[in-house]
Amino acid sequence: MDTTEKHSSIMAIRSAERPGEYLLYHDTRWDCDFFPNHDTQGTAEMEKPNLKSWLVRDFSAPENLALSFITETSSMKPSLSHNSEMREYDYRLWLVDVDSLPDAWKSDTFIINGRNCRWESIPGMEANPRIMQVNQDVVSMVKDSIH
């Protein structure tokens, strides 16, 4: 059994303009909507400025976003892209608060740098069979830690 670890920083992006909703993007490889995520690099303190720059560059996030480290957790689950082999996923959860949404982010669905994005609530994610099949552990982490 392969238990290769995957280390990811998960961005739970929210705004008072979209109460109870989080930004998701559609990953075509997985055919699933995910929280924005990035490979984890270094300590949380070292990683923070790089994540902020990545969000501004790749998601056109406003530069005045507030990025807060919340928690780290691990999850062992079958990897759908590796013939259901059990894999260990290490997650670092970040809360991203955006005071004022960029115009492009104000619609229910929108495209940023070629990514199909949308806003969704935790109950909406829980009602989506594909999200729960692929990413139930991450939705639960956000629900238990932030929501």
C-alpha atoms as a PDB file:
ATOM      1  CA  MET A   1       0.000   0.000   0.000  1.00  0.00           C
ATOM      2  CA  ASP A   2       1.345   3.413  -1.004  1.00  0.00           C
ATOM      3  CA  THR A   3       0.789   6.089   1.637  1.00  0.00           C
ATOM      4  CA  THR A   4       2.514   8.892  -0.220  1.00  0.00           C
ATOM      5  CA  GLU A   5       1.854  12.197   1.466  1.00  0.00           C
ATOM      6  CA  LYS A   6       0.418  15.226  -0.293  1.00  0.00           C
ATOM      7  CA  HIS A   7       0.937  18.539   1.488  1.00  0.00           C
ATOM      8  CA  SER A   8      -1.546  21.276   0.576  1.00  0.00           C
ATOM      9  CA  SER A   9      -2.519  24.685   1.836  1.00  0.00           C
ATOM     10  CA  ILE A  10      -6.271  25.155   1.548  1.00  0.00           C
ATOM     11  CA  MET A  11      -7.664  28.688   1.138  1.00  0.00           C
ATOM     12  CA  ALA A  12     -11.153  29.234   2.602  1.00  0.00           C
ATOM     13  CA  ILE A  13     -11.951  32.558   0.900  1.00  0.00           C
ATOM     14  CA  ARG A  14     -14.974  34.450   2.149  1.00  0.00           C
ATOM     15  CA  SER A  15     -16.439  37.946   2.058  1.00  0.00           C
ATOM     16  CA  ALA A  16     -19.123  39.812   3.968  1.00  0.00           C
ATOM     17  CA  GLU A  17     -20.600  40.524   0.519  1.00  0.00           C
ATOM     18  CA  ARG A  18     -21.280  36.759   0.124  1.00  0.00           C
ATOM     19  CA  PRO A  19     -22.274  35.687   3.671  1.00  0.00           C
ATOM     20  CA  GLY A  20     -21.971  31.978   4.349  1.00  0.00           C
ATOM     21  CA  GLU A  21     -20.280  31.252   1.017  1.00  0.00           C
ATOM     22  CA  TYR A  22     -16.755  30.341  -0.010  1.00  0.00           C
ATOM     23  CA  LEU A  23     -14.907  30.681  -3.286  1.00  0.00           C
ATOM     24  CA  LEU A  24     -14.458  27.409  -5.191  1.00  0.00           C
ATOM     25  CA  TYR A  25     -12.839  26.685  -8.533  1.00  0.00           C
ATOM     26  CA  HIS A  26     -13.486  23.780 -10.896  1.00  0.00           C
ATOM     27  CA  ASP A  27     -10.568  21.402 -11.349  1.00  0.00           C
ATOM     28  CA  THR A  28     -10.970  19.735 -14.742  1.00  0.00           C
ATOM     29  CA  ARG A  29      -8.587  16.873 -13.929  1.00  0.00           C
ATOM     30  CA  TRP A  30     -10.732  15.823 -10.977  1.00  0.00           C
ATOM     31  CA  ASP A  31     -14.010  17.145 -12.434  1.00  0.00           C
ATOM     32  CA  CYS A  32     -14.721  18.619  -9.022  1.00  0.00           C
ATOM     33  CA  ASP A  33     -15.019  22.027  -7.376  1.00  0.00           C
ATOM     34  CA  PHE A  34     -12.322  22.727  -4.797  1.00  0.00           C
ATOM     35  CA  PHE A  35     -11.247  25.445  -2.418  1.00  0.00           C
ATOM     36  CA  PRO A  36      -8.221  27.177  -3.936  1.00  0.00           C
ATOM     37  CA  ASN A  37      -5.187  25.179  -2.851  1.00  0.00           C
ATOM     38  CA  HIS A  38      -1.446  25.324  -3.216  1.00  0.00           C
ATOM     39  CA  ASP A  39       1.395  22.956  -2.421  1.00  0.00           C
ATOM     40  CA  THR A  40       2.561  23.625   1.141  1.00  0.00           C
ATOM     41  CA  GLN A  41       6.083  24.978   1.384  1.00  0.00           C
ATOM     42  CA  GLY A  42       7.963  25.566   4.633  1.00  0.00           C
ATOM     43  CA  THR A  43       6.448  26.756   7.883  1.00  0.00           C
ATOM     44  CA  ALA A  44       3.133  28.629   7.947  1.00  0.00           C
ATOM     45  CA  GLU A  45       4.969  31.851   8.772  1.00  0.00           C
ATOM     46  CA  MET A  46       7.337  31.384   5.812  1.00  0.00           C
ATOM     47  CA  GLU A  47       4.534  30.378   3.480  1.00  0.00           C
ATOM     48  CA  LYS A  48       2.114  33.219   4.192  1.00  0.00           C
ATOM     49  CA  PRO A  49       3.595  35.942   1.895  1.00  0.00           C
ATOM     50  CA  ASN A  50       3.947  33.437  -0.970  1.00  0.00           C
ATOM     51  CA  LEU A  51       0.321  32.346  -0.626  1.00  0.00           C
ATOM     52  CA  LYS A  52      -0.885  35.916  -0.607  1.00  0.00           C
ATOM     53  CA  SER A  53       1.109  36.680  -3.778  1.00  0.00           C
ATOM     54  CA  TRP A  54      -0.210  33.505  -5.415  1.00  0.00           C
ATOM     55  CA  LEU A  55      -3.831  34.445  -4.659  1.00  0.00           C
ATOM     56  CA  VAL A  56      -3.331  37.952  -6.065  1.00  0.00           C
ATOM     57  CA  ARG A  57      -1.547  36.664  -9.172  1.00  0.00           C
ATOM     58  CA  ASP A  58      -3.511  33.489  -9.981  1.00  0.00           C
ATOM     59  CA  PHE A  59      -6.990  34.356  -8.671  1.00  0.00           C
ATOM     60  CA  SER A  60      -6.893  38.154  -9.092  1.00  0.00           C
ATOM     61  CA  ALA A  61      -7.591  38.505  -5.369  1.00  0.00           C
ATOM     62  CA  PRO A  62      -7.437  42.019  -3.914  1.00  0.00           C
ATOM     63  CA  GLU A  63      -4.067  42.846  -2.397  1.00  0.00           C
ATOM     64  CA  ASN A  64      -5.616  43.966   0.899  1.00  0.00           C
ATOM     65  CA  LEU A  65      -6.928  40.475   1.698  1.00  0.00           C
ATOM     66  CA  ALA A  66      -6.488  39.207   5.249  1.00  0.00           C
ATOM     67  CA  LEU A  67      -4.809  35.791   5.408  1.00  0.00           C
ATOM     68  CA  SER A  68      -4.926  33.908   8.718  1.00  0.00           C
ATOM     69  CA  PHE A  69      -3.524  30.476   9.526  1.00  0.00           C
ATOM     70  CA  ILE A  70      -6.208  28.318  11.192  1.00  0.00           C
ATOM     71  CA  THR A  71      -5.019  24.728  11.642  1.00  0.00           C
ATOM     72  CA  GLU A  72      -3.156  21.747  10.252  1.00  0.00           C
ATOM     73  CA  THR A  73      -4.629  18.284   9.916  1.00  0.00           C
ATOM     74  CA  SER A  74      -4.039  14.989   8.133  1.00  0.00           C
ATOM     75  CA  SER A  75      -6.437  12.695   6.361  1.00  0.00           C
ATOM     76  CA  MET A  76      -5.939   9.186   5.033  1.00  0.00           C
ATOM     77  CA  LYS A  77      -8.163   8.471   2.052  1.00  0.00           C
ATOM     78  CA  PRO A  78      -8.172   6.641  -1.260  1.00  0.00           C
ATOM     79  CA  SER A  79      -6.720   8.660  -4.104  1.00  0.00           C
ATOM     80  CA  LEU A  80      -9.104   8.572  -7.017  1.00  0.00           C
ATOM     81  CA  SER A  81      -6.282   9.499  -9.388  1.00  0.00           C
ATOM     82  CA  HIS A  82      -4.092   6.609  -8.149  1.00  0.00           C
ATOM     83  CA  ASN A  83      -6.426   3.602  -8.507  1.00  0.00           C
ATOM     84  CA  SER A  84      -7.894   4.230  -5.039  1.00  0.00           C
ATOM     85  CA  GLU A  85      -4.564   3.640  -3.288  1.00  0.00           C
ATOM     86  CA  MET A  86      -4.612   4.964   0.252  1.00  0.00           C
ATOM     87  CA  ARG A  87      -2.756   8.266   0.483  1.00  0.00           C
ATOM     88  CA  GLU A  88      -2.046  10.587   3.370  1.00  0.00           C
ATOM     89  CA  TYR A  89      -3.058  14.188   2.772  1.00  0.00           C
ATOM     90  CA  ASP A  90      -1.651  16.867   5.042  1.00  0.00           C
ATOM     91  CA  TYR A  91      -3.683  20.056   4.979  1.00  0.00           C
ATOM     92  CA  ARG A  92      -2.854  23.502   6.238  1.00  0.00           C
ATOM     93  CA  LEU A  93      -6.051  25.564   6.443  1.00  0.00           C
ATOM     94  CA  TRP A  94      -5.991  29.318   5.847  1.00  0.00           C
ATOM     95  CA  LEU A  95      -8.891  31.737   6.223  1.00  0.00           C
ATOM     96  CA  VAL A  96      -8.893  34.487   3.626  1.00  0.00           C
ATOM     97  CA  ASP A  97     -11.157  37.457   4.328  1.00  0.00           C
ATOM     98  CA  VAL A  98     -11.832  39.850   1.470  1.00  0.00           C
ATOM     99  CA  ASP A  99     -13.434  43.136   2.520  1.00  0.00           C
ATOM    100  CA  SER A 100     -14.452  44.315  -0.917  1.00  0.00           C
ATOM    101  CA  LEU A 101     -14.944  41.900  -3.782  1.00  0.00           C
ATOM    102  CA  PRO A 102     -13.322  42.677  -7.113  1.00  0.00           C
ATOM    103  CA  ASP A 103     -15.951  43.289  -9.796  1.00  0.00           C
ATOM    104  CA  ALA A 104     -15.105  39.989 -11.483  1.00  0.00           C
ATOM    105  CA  TRP A 105     -15.883  38.092  -8.241  1.00  0.00           C
ATOM    106  CA  LYS A 106     -19.353  39.584  -7.695  1.00  0.00           C
ATOM    107  CA  SER A 107     -21.260  37.116  -9.888  1.00  0.00           C
ATOM    108  CA  ASP A 108     -22.389  33.695  -8.694  1.00  0.00           C
ATOM    109  CA  THR A 109     -20.042  32.161 -11.276  1.00  0.00           C
ATOM    110  CA  PHE A 110     -17.078  33.730 -13.060  1.00  0.00           C
ATOM    111  CA  ILE A 111     -13.810  32.944 -14.824  1.00  0.00           C
ATOM    112  CA  ILE A 112     -10.447  34.098 -13.462  1.00  0.00           C
ATOM    113  CA  ASN A 113      -7.264  33.308 -15.395  1.00  0.00           C
ATOM    114  CA  GLY A 114      -8.971  30.396 -17.140  1.00  0.00           C
ATOM    115  CA  ARG A 115     -10.441  28.946 -13.936  1.00  0.00           C
ATOM    116  CA  ASN A 116     -14.194  28.501 -13.612  1.00  0.00           C
ATOM    117  CA  CYS A 117     -15.018  29.856 -10.150  1.00  0.00           C
ATOM    118  CA  ARG A 118     -18.179  30.070  -8.095  1.00  0.00           C
ATOM    119  CA  TRP A 119     -19.461  30.822  -4.618  1.00  0.00           C
ATOM    120  CA  GLU A 120     -20.904  27.985  -2.531  1.00  0.00           C
ATOM    121  CA  SER A 121     -22.094  27.429   1.023  1.00  0.00           C
ATOM    122  CA  ILE A 122     -20.993  24.503   3.192  1.00  0.00           C
ATOM    123  CA  PRO A 123     -24.507  22.957   2.985  1.00  0.00           C
ATOM    124  CA  GLY A 124     -24.326  23.342  -0.798  1.00  0.00           C
ATOM    125  CA  MET A 125     -20.985  21.535  -0.847  1.00  0.00           C
ATOM    126  CA  GLU A 126     -22.363  18.806   1.417  1.00  0.00           C
ATOM    127  CA  ALA A 127     -25.288  18.335  -0.984  1.00  0.00           C
ATOM    128  CA  ASN A 128     -22.935  17.882  -3.955  1.00  0.00           C
ATOM    129  CA  PRO A 129     -22.142  14.150  -4.353  1.00  0.00           C
ATOM    130  CA  ARG A 130     -18.945  14.749  -6.340  1.00  0.00           C
ATOM    131  CA  ILE A 131     -17.501  17.214  -3.835  1.00  0.00           C
ATOM    132  CA  MET A 132     -18.266  14.825  -0.998  1.00  0.00           C
ATOM    133  CA  GLN A 133     -16.814  11.835  -2.839  1.00  0.00           C
ATOM    134  CA  VAL A 134     -13.520  13.584  -3.552  1.00  0.00           C
ATOM    135  CA  ASN A 135     -13.131  16.161  -0.802  1.00  0.00           C
ATOM    136  CA  GLN A 136     -15.393  15.435   2.157  1.00  0.00           C
ATOM    137  CA  ASP A 137     -12.443  15.668   4.544  1.00  0.00           C
ATOM    138  CA  VAL A 138     -11.602  19.210   3.424  1.00  0.00           C
ATOM    139  CA  VAL A 139     -15.240  20.384   3.561  1.00  0.00           C
ATOM    140  CA  SER A 140     -15.490  18.929   7.090  1.00  0.00           C
ATOM    141  CA  MET A 141     -12.248  20.638   8.119  1.00  0.00           C
ATOM    142  CA  VAL A 142     -13.535  24.032   6.969  1.00  0.00           C
ATOM    143  CA  LYS A 143     -16.944  23.427   8.551  1.00  0.00           C
ATOM    144  CA  ASP A 144     -15.442  22.363  11.895  1.00  0.00           C
ATOM    145  CA  SER A 145     -12.688  24.993  12.010  1.00  0.00           C
ATOM    146  CA  ILE A 146     -14.237  28.108  10.484  1.00  0.00           C
ATOM    147  CA  HIS A 147     -17.893  27.853   9.581  1.00  0.00           C
END
